[in-house]
Amino acid sequence: SAAVDWTWEVPVLPITALILSAAVLAGRRGERARRPFSIPARATVVGLALIAFVAVLIPLSWTSSVRASQRAARGANITSALGDATAARRVAPFAATPSLQEALVRESAGDLPGAAASARRATKAEPDNWRTWLVLSRLEAKQERAAASVAAYRRARSLSPRSRLFQR
C-alpha cells in the first residue's frame, strides 16, 4: 500500500496546499470584495507553498530516477541504469536508495570495487537499514574480504534479528 500510495501522495499534497492557499488568499468577489490578508502575508504564504513544492520535488525526482534505473537494469541496459542511478544519487546524496541502486547496477556490470563503494555510501546514509548492510556483505564476500563481509553481515543481522533470512 505504501509503495502505491506514496506515488500519488507526493505530488497531490503540495498541489492541494497550493490550491487551498490560493483560495484563502483570493478573498471574495463582487462589490464588497476585500483582501483578507495583506500583501506581505500573501507573499509569505505563496513562498511557503513554493518551498513545500520544491521539498517534495526532490524526493520525487530521485525516486523517478531510481525507478528508471531499475527498468533499464531489467532491460539489460546497464549504461542507462548506471546513469539514472548516479543521477538519483547526485540529487539525493543523503538517501540510501540511490546509492544502493547504484551498487546493484555496478555489481551487475562487474565493477565490484565501485559497487562496494556505493554500498558503503548507502550504509552511511541509512546506518539502521539492514538491507544496505546485507548487500555490502555480499559485495565484500565477492571481493574475498572475509572479515569485512562477516562484519557487515553481523550488522545486518543485528538490525533485523527476526528476519527469516537470518534464521539458522
N, C-alpha and C. Protein backbone atom coordinates (compact mmCIF):
# COMPACT_ATOMS: atom_id res chain seq x y z
N SER A 1 0.83 -1.19 0.00
CA SER A 1 0.00 0.00 0.00
C SER A 1 0.87 1.26 0.00
N ALA A 2 1.92 1.27 0.82
CA ALA A 2 2.77 2.46 0.90
C ALA A 2 3.45 2.74 -0.44
N ALA A 3 3.85 1.70 -1.14
CA ALA A 3 4.52 1.90 -2.42
C ALA A 3 3.58 2.54 -3.44
N VAL A 4 2.32 2.11 -3.44
CA VAL A 4 1.35 2.65 -4.38
C VAL A 4 0.88 4.02 -3.92
N ASP A 5 0.51 4.13 -2.66
CA ASP A 5 0.00 5.40 -2.15
C ASP A 5 1.03 6.51 -2.25
N TRP A 6 2.26 6.21 -1.95
CA TRP A 6 3.31 7.24 -1.94
C TRP A 6 3.44 7.89 -3.31
N THR A 7 3.26 7.11 -4.35
CA THR A 7 3.43 7.63 -5.71
C THR A 7 2.48 8.78 -5.98
N TRP A 8 1.23 8.68 -5.57
CA TRP A 8 0.30 9.77 -5.86
C TRP A 8 0.27 10.81 -4.76
N GLU A 9 0.62 10.44 -3.52
CA GLU A 9 0.58 11.40 -2.42
C GLU A 9 1.64 12.49 -2.56
N VAL A 10 2.78 12.13 -3.05
CA VAL A 10 3.87 13.09 -3.14
C VAL A 10 3.46 14.33 -3.95
N PRO A 11 2.96 14.19 -5.18
CA PRO A 11 2.57 15.41 -5.89
C PRO A 11 1.23 15.98 -5.46
N VAL A 12 0.34 15.17 -4.94
CA VAL A 12 -1.01 15.65 -4.61
C VAL A 12 -0.98 16.59 -3.40
N LEU A 13 -0.20 16.29 -2.40
CA LEU A 13 -0.19 17.12 -1.19
C LEU A 13 0.24 18.56 -1.44
N PRO A 14 1.34 18.82 -2.12
CA PRO A 14 1.69 20.22 -2.36
C PRO A 14 0.72 20.92 -3.31
N ILE A 15 0.19 20.18 -4.27
CA ILE A 15 -0.79 20.79 -5.17
C ILE A 15 -2.03 21.20 -4.39
N THR A 16 -2.47 20.34 -3.49
CA THR A 16 -3.62 20.66 -2.64
C THR A 16 -3.31 21.88 -1.78
N ALA A 17 -2.12 21.93 -1.22
CA ALA A 17 -1.73 23.08 -0.39
C ALA A 17 -1.72 24.37 -1.22
N LEU A 18 -1.24 24.30 -2.45
CA LEU A 18 -1.23 25.48 -3.32
C LEU A 18 -2.66 25.94 -3.65
N ILE A 19 -3.55 25.00 -3.93
CA ILE A 19 -4.94 25.36 -4.25
C ILE A 19 -5.63 25.98 -3.04
N LEU A 20 -5.43 25.37 -1.86
CA LEU A 20 -6.04 25.93 -0.65
C LEU A 20 -5.47 27.30 -0.33
N SER A 21 -4.17 27.47 -0.53
CA SER A 21 -3.56 28.78 -0.29
C SER A 21 -4.14 29.82 -1.24
N ALA A 22 -4.32 29.44 -2.48
CA ALA A 22 -4.90 30.37 -3.46
C ALA A 22 -6.33 30.75 -3.07
N ALA A 23 -7.09 29.77 -2.61
CA ALA A 23 -8.48 30.05 -2.21
C ALA A 23 -8.53 30.99 -1.01
N VAL A 24 -7.66 30.78 -0.06
CA VAL A 24 -7.63 31.63 1.13
C VAL A 24 -7.18 33.04 0.77
N LEU A 25 -6.20 33.15 -0.08
CA LEU A 25 -5.64 34.45 -0.41
C LEU A 25 -6.48 35.24 -1.41
N ALA A 26 -7.34 34.56 -2.16
CA ALA A 26 -8.10 35.23 -3.21
C ALA A 26 -9.14 36.20 -2.67
N GLY A 27 -9.72 35.90 -1.54
CA GLY A 27 -10.76 36.79 -1.00
C GLY A 27 -12.07 36.59 -1.71
N ARG A 28 -13.00 37.54 -1.53
CA ARG A 28 -14.33 37.44 -2.15
C ARG A 28 -14.39 38.33 -3.37
N ARG A 29 -15.37 38.05 -4.24
CA ARG A 29 -15.59 38.87 -5.42
C ARG A 29 -16.84 39.70 -5.23
N GLY A 30 -17.00 40.68 -6.04
CA GLY A 30 -18.22 41.48 -6.01
C GLY A 30 -17.96 42.86 -5.43
N GLU A 31 -19.07 43.55 -5.10
CA GLU A 31 -18.98 44.92 -4.59
C GLU A 31 -18.21 45.01 -3.28
N ARG A 32 -18.46 44.05 -2.42
CA ARG A 32 -17.82 44.11 -1.10
C ARG A 32 -16.51 43.32 -1.05
N ALA A 33 -15.93 43.15 -2.20
CA ALA A 33 -14.70 42.37 -2.22
C ALA A 33 -13.62 43.06 -1.40
N ARG A 34 -12.93 42.26 -0.64
CA ARG A 34 -11.80 42.77 0.15
C ARG A 34 -10.75 41.67 0.24
N ARG A 35 -9.57 42.06 0.47
CA ARG A 35 -8.48 41.09 0.61
C ARG A 35 -8.37 40.72 2.09
N PRO A 36 -8.45 39.43 2.40
CA PRO A 36 -8.40 39.01 3.79
C PRO A 36 -7.01 39.16 4.42
N PHE A 37 -5.97 39.21 3.60
CA PHE A 37 -4.62 39.30 4.12
C PHE A 37 -3.86 40.41 3.40
N SER A 38 -2.87 40.93 4.08
CA SER A 38 -2.04 41.96 3.46
C SER A 38 -1.13 41.33 2.40
N ILE A 39 -0.54 42.15 1.59
CA ILE A 39 0.34 41.66 0.53
C ILE A 39 1.54 40.90 1.11
N PRO A 40 2.19 41.38 2.18
CA PRO A 40 3.29 40.60 2.74
C PRO A 40 2.84 39.22 3.27
N ALA A 41 1.64 39.17 3.85
CA ALA A 41 1.14 37.88 4.35
C ALA A 41 0.88 36.93 3.18
N ARG A 42 0.30 37.46 2.11
CA ARG A 42 0.05 36.63 0.94
C ARG A 42 1.36 36.15 0.32
N ALA A 43 2.33 37.02 0.24
CA ALA A 43 3.63 36.65 -0.33
C ALA A 43 4.29 35.56 0.52
N THR A 44 4.14 35.66 1.83
CA THR A 44 4.71 34.66 2.74
C THR A 44 4.06 33.30 2.51
N VAL A 45 2.74 33.27 2.39
CA VAL A 45 2.05 32.00 2.16
C VAL A 45 2.45 31.41 0.81
N VAL A 46 2.52 32.22 -0.20
CA VAL A 46 2.93 31.73 -1.52
C VAL A 46 4.37 31.21 -1.46
N GLY A 47 5.25 31.93 -0.78
CA GLY A 47 6.63 31.48 -0.63
C GLY A 47 6.74 30.15 0.09
N LEU A 48 5.97 29.99 1.17
CA LEU A 48 5.98 28.73 1.90
C LEU A 48 5.44 27.58 1.05
N ALA A 49 4.39 27.86 0.29
CA ALA A 49 3.85 26.83 -0.60
C ALA A 49 4.87 26.41 -1.65
N LEU A 50 5.60 27.37 -2.20
CA LEU A 50 6.62 27.04 -3.19
C LEU A 50 7.77 26.25 -2.57
N ILE A 51 8.15 26.60 -1.36
CA ILE A 51 9.20 25.84 -0.65
C ILE A 51 8.74 24.40 -0.44
N ALA A 52 7.48 24.23 -0.03
CA ALA A 52 6.94 22.88 0.16
C ALA A 52 6.94 22.11 -1.15
N PHE A 53 6.61 22.79 -2.23
CA PHE A 53 6.60 22.15 -3.55
C PHE A 53 8.00 21.66 -3.93
N VAL A 54 9.00 22.49 -3.72
CA VAL A 54 10.39 22.10 -4.03
C VAL A 54 10.83 20.97 -3.12
N ALA A 55 10.43 21.02 -1.85
CA ALA A 55 10.81 19.96 -0.91
C ALA A 55 10.24 18.61 -1.33
N VAL A 56 9.11 18.61 -1.96
CA VAL A 56 8.51 17.37 -2.45
C VAL A 56 9.10 16.98 -3.80
N LEU A 57 9.50 17.95 -4.57
CA LEU A 57 10.04 17.68 -5.90
C LEU A 57 11.36 16.91 -5.84
N ILE A 58 12.17 17.17 -4.82
CA ILE A 58 13.47 16.49 -4.71
C ILE A 58 13.29 14.98 -4.55
N PRO A 59 12.52 14.51 -3.54
CA PRO A 59 12.37 13.05 -3.45
C PRO A 59 11.64 12.45 -4.65
N LEU A 60 10.72 13.19 -5.23
CA LEU A 60 10.04 12.70 -6.41
C LEU A 60 11.03 12.52 -7.56
N SER A 61 11.96 13.45 -7.69
CA SER A 61 12.96 13.38 -8.75
C SER A 61 13.86 12.17 -8.59
N TRP A 62 14.41 11.96 -7.39
CA TRP A 62 15.32 10.83 -7.26
C TRP A 62 14.58 9.51 -7.28
N THR A 63 13.34 9.48 -6.82
CA THR A 63 12.56 8.25 -6.91
C THR A 63 12.32 7.89 -8.37
N SER A 64 12.00 8.88 -9.18
CA SER A 64 11.79 8.63 -10.62
C SER A 64 13.08 8.12 -11.27
N SER A 65 14.21 8.70 -10.89
CA SER A 65 15.48 8.25 -11.46
C SER A 65 15.82 6.82 -11.03
N VAL A 66 15.56 6.49 -9.77
CA VAL A 66 15.82 5.12 -9.30
C VAL A 66 14.94 4.13 -10.06
N ARG A 67 13.68 4.47 -10.22
CA ARG A 67 12.77 3.57 -10.96
C ARG A 67 13.19 3.42 -12.41
N ALA A 68 13.64 4.51 -13.02
CA ALA A 68 14.14 4.43 -14.39
C ALA A 68 15.38 3.53 -14.45
N SER A 69 16.23 3.63 -13.45
CA SER A 69 17.41 2.77 -13.39
C SER A 69 17.02 1.31 -13.25
N GLN A 70 16.03 1.04 -12.42
CA GLN A 70 15.56 -0.34 -12.25
C GLN A 70 14.99 -0.90 -13.55
N ARG A 71 14.21 -0.08 -14.27
CA ARG A 71 13.66 -0.53 -15.55
C ARG A 71 14.78 -0.81 -16.55
N ALA A 72 15.75 0.09 -16.61
CA ALA A 72 16.87 -0.09 -17.54
C ALA A 72 17.68 -1.34 -17.18
N ALA A 73 17.86 -1.59 -15.89
CA ALA A 73 18.60 -2.78 -15.46
C ALA A 73 17.85 -4.05 -15.84
N ARG A 74 16.53 -4.03 -15.67
CA ARG A 74 15.74 -5.20 -16.07
C ARG A 74 15.84 -5.44 -17.57
N GLY A 75 15.99 -4.37 -18.33
CA GLY A 75 16.14 -4.47 -19.77
C GLY A 75 17.57 -4.69 -20.21
N ALA A 76 18.46 -4.91 -19.28
CA ALA A 76 19.89 -5.17 -19.54
C ALA A 76 20.60 -3.97 -20.17
N ASN A 77 20.08 -2.77 -19.95
CA ASN A 77 20.74 -1.56 -20.43
C ASN A 77 21.54 -0.98 -19.26
N ILE A 78 22.69 -1.54 -19.02
CA ILE A 78 23.50 -1.19 -17.85
C ILE A 78 23.96 0.26 -17.90
N THR A 79 24.32 0.75 -19.06
CA THR A 79 24.79 2.14 -19.17
C THR A 79 23.71 3.12 -18.72
N SER A 80 22.51 2.92 -19.21
CA SER A 80 21.39 3.78 -18.83
C SER A 80 21.04 3.59 -17.36
N ALA A 81 21.06 2.35 -16.90
CA ALA A 81 20.75 2.06 -15.49
C ALA A 81 21.74 2.75 -14.57
N LEU A 82 23.00 2.71 -14.91
CA LEU A 82 24.02 3.36 -14.09
C LEU A 82 23.88 4.87 -14.14
N GLY A 83 23.59 5.41 -15.31
CA GLY A 83 23.40 6.85 -15.44
C GLY A 83 22.24 7.35 -14.60
N ASP A 84 21.12 6.63 -14.64
CA ASP A 84 19.96 7.03 -13.84
C ASP A 84 20.22 6.89 -12.34
N ALA A 85 20.90 5.82 -11.95
CA ALA A 85 21.22 5.63 -10.53
C ALA A 85 22.16 6.71 -10.03
N THR A 86 23.15 7.05 -10.83
CA THR A 86 24.10 8.10 -10.47
C THR A 86 23.40 9.45 -10.38
N ALA A 87 22.50 9.71 -11.32
CA ALA A 87 21.73 10.97 -11.29
C ALA A 87 20.89 11.04 -10.01
N ALA A 88 20.27 9.94 -9.64
CA ALA A 88 19.48 9.92 -8.40
C ALA A 88 20.36 10.19 -7.18
N ARG A 89 21.54 9.59 -7.16
CA ARG A 89 22.45 9.80 -6.03
C ARG A 89 22.91 11.25 -5.95
N ARG A 90 23.12 11.88 -7.09
CA ARG A 90 23.55 13.29 -7.09
C ARG A 90 22.44 14.21 -6.57
N VAL A 91 21.19 13.87 -6.88
CA VAL A 91 20.06 14.67 -6.41
C VAL A 91 19.87 14.47 -4.91
N ALA A 92 20.07 13.23 -4.45
CA ALA A 92 19.81 12.91 -3.03
C ALA A 92 20.99 12.15 -2.43
N PRO A 93 22.12 12.83 -2.21
CA PRO A 93 23.28 12.12 -1.64
C PRO A 93 23.05 11.67 -0.21
N PHE A 94 22.01 12.20 0.43
CA PHE A 94 21.67 11.86 1.81
C PHE A 94 20.82 10.61 1.91
N ALA A 95 20.32 10.08 0.80
CA ALA A 95 19.41 8.93 0.81
C ALA A 95 20.16 7.65 0.46
N ALA A 96 19.73 6.54 1.05
CA ALA A 96 20.39 5.26 0.80
C ALA A 96 19.95 4.60 -0.50
N THR A 97 18.70 4.77 -0.87
CA THR A 97 18.17 4.05 -2.03
C THR A 97 18.93 4.33 -3.33
N PRO A 98 19.24 5.58 -3.66
CA PRO A 98 20.00 5.79 -4.90
C PRO A 98 21.39 5.14 -4.87
N SER A 99 22.07 5.22 -3.73
CA SER A 99 23.40 4.60 -3.63
C SER A 99 23.29 3.09 -3.69
N LEU A 100 22.25 2.54 -3.08
CA LEU A 100 22.06 1.09 -3.13
C LEU A 100 21.77 0.63 -4.56
N GLN A 101 20.94 1.38 -5.27
CA GLN A 101 20.66 1.04 -6.67
C GLN A 101 21.93 1.12 -7.50
N GLU A 102 22.72 2.14 -7.25
CA GLU A 102 23.99 2.28 -7.97
C GLU A 102 24.88 1.08 -7.68
N ALA A 103 24.92 0.63 -6.43
CA ALA A 103 25.73 -0.53 -6.06
C ALA A 103 25.26 -1.77 -6.81
N LEU A 104 23.97 -1.98 -6.89
CA LEU A 104 23.44 -3.17 -7.57
C LEU A 104 23.75 -3.14 -9.07
N VAL A 105 23.65 -1.96 -9.67
CA VAL A 105 23.96 -1.84 -11.10
C VAL A 105 25.45 -2.07 -11.34
N ARG A 106 26.27 -1.46 -10.50
CA ARG A 106 27.72 -1.66 -10.65
C ARG A 106 28.09 -3.12 -10.47
N GLU A 107 27.44 -3.78 -9.52
CA GLU A 107 27.69 -5.21 -9.31
C GLU A 107 27.34 -6.00 -10.57
N SER A 108 26.20 -5.72 -11.16
CA SER A 108 25.79 -6.46 -12.36
C SER A 108 26.72 -6.17 -13.54
N ALA A 109 27.38 -5.01 -13.51
CA ALA A 109 28.34 -4.68 -14.57
C ALA A 109 29.72 -5.27 -14.30
N GLY A 110 29.89 -5.86 -13.12
CA GLY A 110 31.18 -6.46 -12.78
C GLY A 110 32.14 -5.52 -12.08
N ASP A 111 31.69 -4.33 -11.74
CA ASP A 111 32.53 -3.35 -11.05
C ASP A 111 32.37 -3.53 -9.54
N LEU A 112 33.00 -4.55 -8.99
CA LEU A 112 32.83 -4.84 -7.57
C LEU A 112 33.40 -3.76 -6.65
N PRO A 113 34.58 -3.19 -6.92
CA PRO A 113 35.05 -2.12 -6.04
C PRO A 113 34.11 -0.91 -6.05
N GLY A 114 33.62 -0.53 -7.23
CA GLY A 114 32.68 0.58 -7.33
C GLY A 114 31.36 0.26 -6.64
N ALA A 115 30.91 -0.98 -6.79
CA ALA A 115 29.67 -1.41 -6.14
C ALA A 115 29.81 -1.36 -4.63
N ALA A 116 30.95 -1.82 -4.12
CA ALA A 116 31.17 -1.80 -2.66
C ALA A 116 31.23 -0.36 -2.15
N ALA A 117 31.86 0.53 -2.90
CA ALA A 117 31.92 1.94 -2.50
C ALA A 117 30.51 2.54 -2.45
N SER A 118 29.68 2.22 -3.43
CA SER A 118 28.30 2.71 -3.43
C SER A 118 27.51 2.12 -2.27
N ALA A 119 27.73 0.84 -1.98
CA ALA A 119 27.04 0.21 -0.85
C ALA A 119 27.48 0.82 0.48
N ARG A 120 28.75 1.17 0.59
CA ARG A 120 29.21 1.84 1.81
C ARG A 120 28.54 3.20 1.97
N ARG A 121 28.37 3.93 0.86
CA ARG A 121 27.64 5.20 0.93
C ARG A 121 26.22 4.97 1.41
N ALA A 122 25.61 3.90 0.94
CA ALA A 122 24.23 3.59 1.36
C ALA A 122 24.17 3.28 2.85
N THR A 123 25.17 2.55 3.37
CA THR A 123 25.16 2.24 4.81
C THR A 123 25.40 3.50 5.64
N LYS A 124 26.17 4.44 5.12
CA LYS A 124 26.38 5.70 5.83
C LYS A 124 25.12 6.55 5.82
N ALA A 125 24.40 6.52 4.71
CA ALA A 125 23.17 7.30 4.61
C ALA A 125 22.08 6.75 5.53
N GLU A 126 21.99 5.44 5.63
CA GLU A 126 21.00 4.79 6.49
C GLU A 126 21.67 3.68 7.28
N PRO A 127 22.34 4.02 8.36
CA PRO A 127 23.06 3.00 9.12
C PRO A 127 22.15 1.98 9.81
N ASP A 128 20.87 2.26 9.92
CA ASP A 128 19.95 1.33 10.57
C ASP A 128 19.15 0.50 9.57
N ASN A 129 19.51 0.52 8.30
CA ASN A 129 18.82 -0.25 7.27
C ASN A 129 19.59 -1.54 7.04
N TRP A 130 19.02 -2.67 7.43
CA TRP A 130 19.73 -3.94 7.34
C TRP A 130 20.01 -4.35 5.89
N ARG A 131 19.18 -3.91 4.97
CA ARG A 131 19.35 -4.29 3.57
C ARG A 131 20.66 -3.76 2.98
N THR A 132 21.00 -2.53 3.34
CA THR A 132 22.24 -1.95 2.81
C THR A 132 23.45 -2.73 3.32
N TRP A 133 23.38 -3.14 4.59
CA TRP A 133 24.48 -3.91 5.17
C TRP A 133 24.58 -5.30 4.54
N LEU A 134 23.44 -5.89 4.22
CA LEU A 134 23.46 -7.22 3.61
C LEU A 134 24.06 -7.17 2.21
N VAL A 135 23.71 -6.16 1.44
CA VAL A 135 24.30 -6.01 0.10
C VAL A 135 25.81 -5.77 0.23
N LEU A 136 26.19 -4.92 1.17
CA LEU A 136 27.62 -4.68 1.38
C LEU A 136 28.33 -5.98 1.76
N SER A 137 27.71 -6.79 2.60
CA SER A 137 28.30 -8.07 3.00
C SER A 137 28.55 -8.95 1.77
N ARG A 138 27.57 -9.05 0.89
CA ARG A 138 27.72 -9.86 -0.31
C ARG A 138 28.86 -9.33 -1.20
N LEU A 139 28.91 -8.00 -1.35
CA LEU A 139 29.94 -7.41 -2.20
C LEU A 139 31.34 -7.61 -1.62
N GLU A 140 31.43 -7.51 -0.30
CA GLU A 140 32.74 -7.75 0.34
C GLU A 140 33.15 -9.21 0.16
N ALA A 141 32.19 -10.13 0.27
CA ALA A 141 32.49 -11.55 0.09
C ALA A 141 32.95 -11.83 -1.34
N LYS A 142 32.32 -11.21 -2.31
CA LYS A 142 32.71 -11.41 -3.71
C LYS A 142 34.13 -10.91 -3.98
N GLN A 143 34.59 -9.96 -3.16
CA GLN A 143 35.95 -9.45 -3.31
C GLN A 143 36.94 -10.16 -2.39
N GLU A 144 36.45 -11.22 -1.76
CA GLU A 144 37.25 -12.05 -0.86
C GLU A 144 37.76 -11.28 0.35
N ARG A 145 36.94 -10.39 0.85
CA ARG A 145 37.24 -9.66 2.08
C ARG A 145 36.37 -10.26 3.18
N ALA A 146 36.81 -11.38 3.69
CA ALA A 146 36.01 -12.17 4.62
C ALA A 146 35.65 -11.40 5.90
N ALA A 147 36.61 -10.74 6.50
CA ALA A 147 36.35 -10.04 7.76
C ALA A 147 35.33 -8.92 7.57
N ALA A 148 35.49 -8.15 6.50
CA ALA A 148 34.55 -7.06 6.22
C ALA A 148 33.16 -7.61 5.88
N SER A 149 33.12 -8.72 5.17
CA SER A 149 31.85 -9.34 4.82
C SER A 149 31.12 -9.84 6.07
N VAL A 150 31.84 -10.50 6.94
CA VAL A 150 31.23 -11.02 8.17
C VAL A 150 30.76 -9.86 9.05
N ALA A 151 31.55 -8.82 9.15
CA ALA A 151 31.16 -7.67 9.97
C ALA A 151 29.88 -7.03 9.44
N ALA A 152 29.79 -6.85 8.12
CA ALA A 152 28.59 -6.26 7.53
C ALA A 152 27.40 -7.19 7.70
N TYR A 153 27.62 -8.50 7.57
CA TYR A 153 26.53 -9.47 7.77
C TYR A 153 26.03 -9.42 9.21
N ARG A 154 26.94 -9.37 10.15
CA ARG A 154 26.54 -9.30 11.57
C ARG A 154 25.76 -8.02 11.86
N ARG A 155 26.17 -6.95 11.25
CA ARG A 155 25.43 -5.68 11.43
C ARG A 155 24.02 -5.81 10.86
N ALA A 156 23.90 -6.40 9.69
CA ALA A 156 22.58 -6.61 9.09
C ALA A 156 21.71 -7.48 9.99
N ARG A 157 22.28 -8.55 10.47
CA ARG A 157 21.52 -9.48 11.34
C ARG A 157 21.12 -8.81 12.64
N SER A 158 21.99 -7.97 13.18
CA SER A 158 21.65 -7.29 14.44
C SER A 158 20.52 -6.29 14.26
N LEU A 159 20.39 -5.75 13.05
CA LEU A 159 19.33 -4.78 12.78
C LEU A 159 17.98 -5.43 12.49
N SER A 160 18.01 -6.70 12.08
CA SER A 160 16.77 -7.41 11.78
C SER A 160 16.87 -8.86 12.26
N PRO A 161 16.98 -9.05 13.58
CA PRO A 161 17.22 -10.40 14.10
C PRO A 161 16.07 -11.38 13.87
N ARG A 162 14.87 -10.89 13.67
CA ARG A 162 13.72 -11.79 13.49
C ARG A 162 13.48 -12.19 12.04
N SER A 163 14.24 -11.59 11.14
CA SER A 163 14.06 -11.89 9.72
C SER A 163 14.33 -13.37 9.46
N ARG A 164 13.49 -13.96 8.61
CA ARG A 164 13.67 -15.37 8.25
C ARG A 164 14.99 -15.58 7.53
N LEU A 165 15.48 -14.52 6.93
CA LEU A 165 16.74 -14.60 6.19
C LEU A 165 17.90 -14.97 7.12
N PHE A 166 17.83 -14.52 8.37
CA PHE A 166 18.93 -14.73 9.31
C PHE A 166 18.69 -15.89 10.25
N GLN A 167 17.60 -16.62 10.08
CA GLN A 167 17.32 -17.75 10.94
C GLN A 167 18.20 -18.94 10.53
N ARG A 168 18.64 -19.66 11.50
CA ARG A 168 19.52 -20.81 11.22
C ARG A 168 18.73 -22.05 11.00
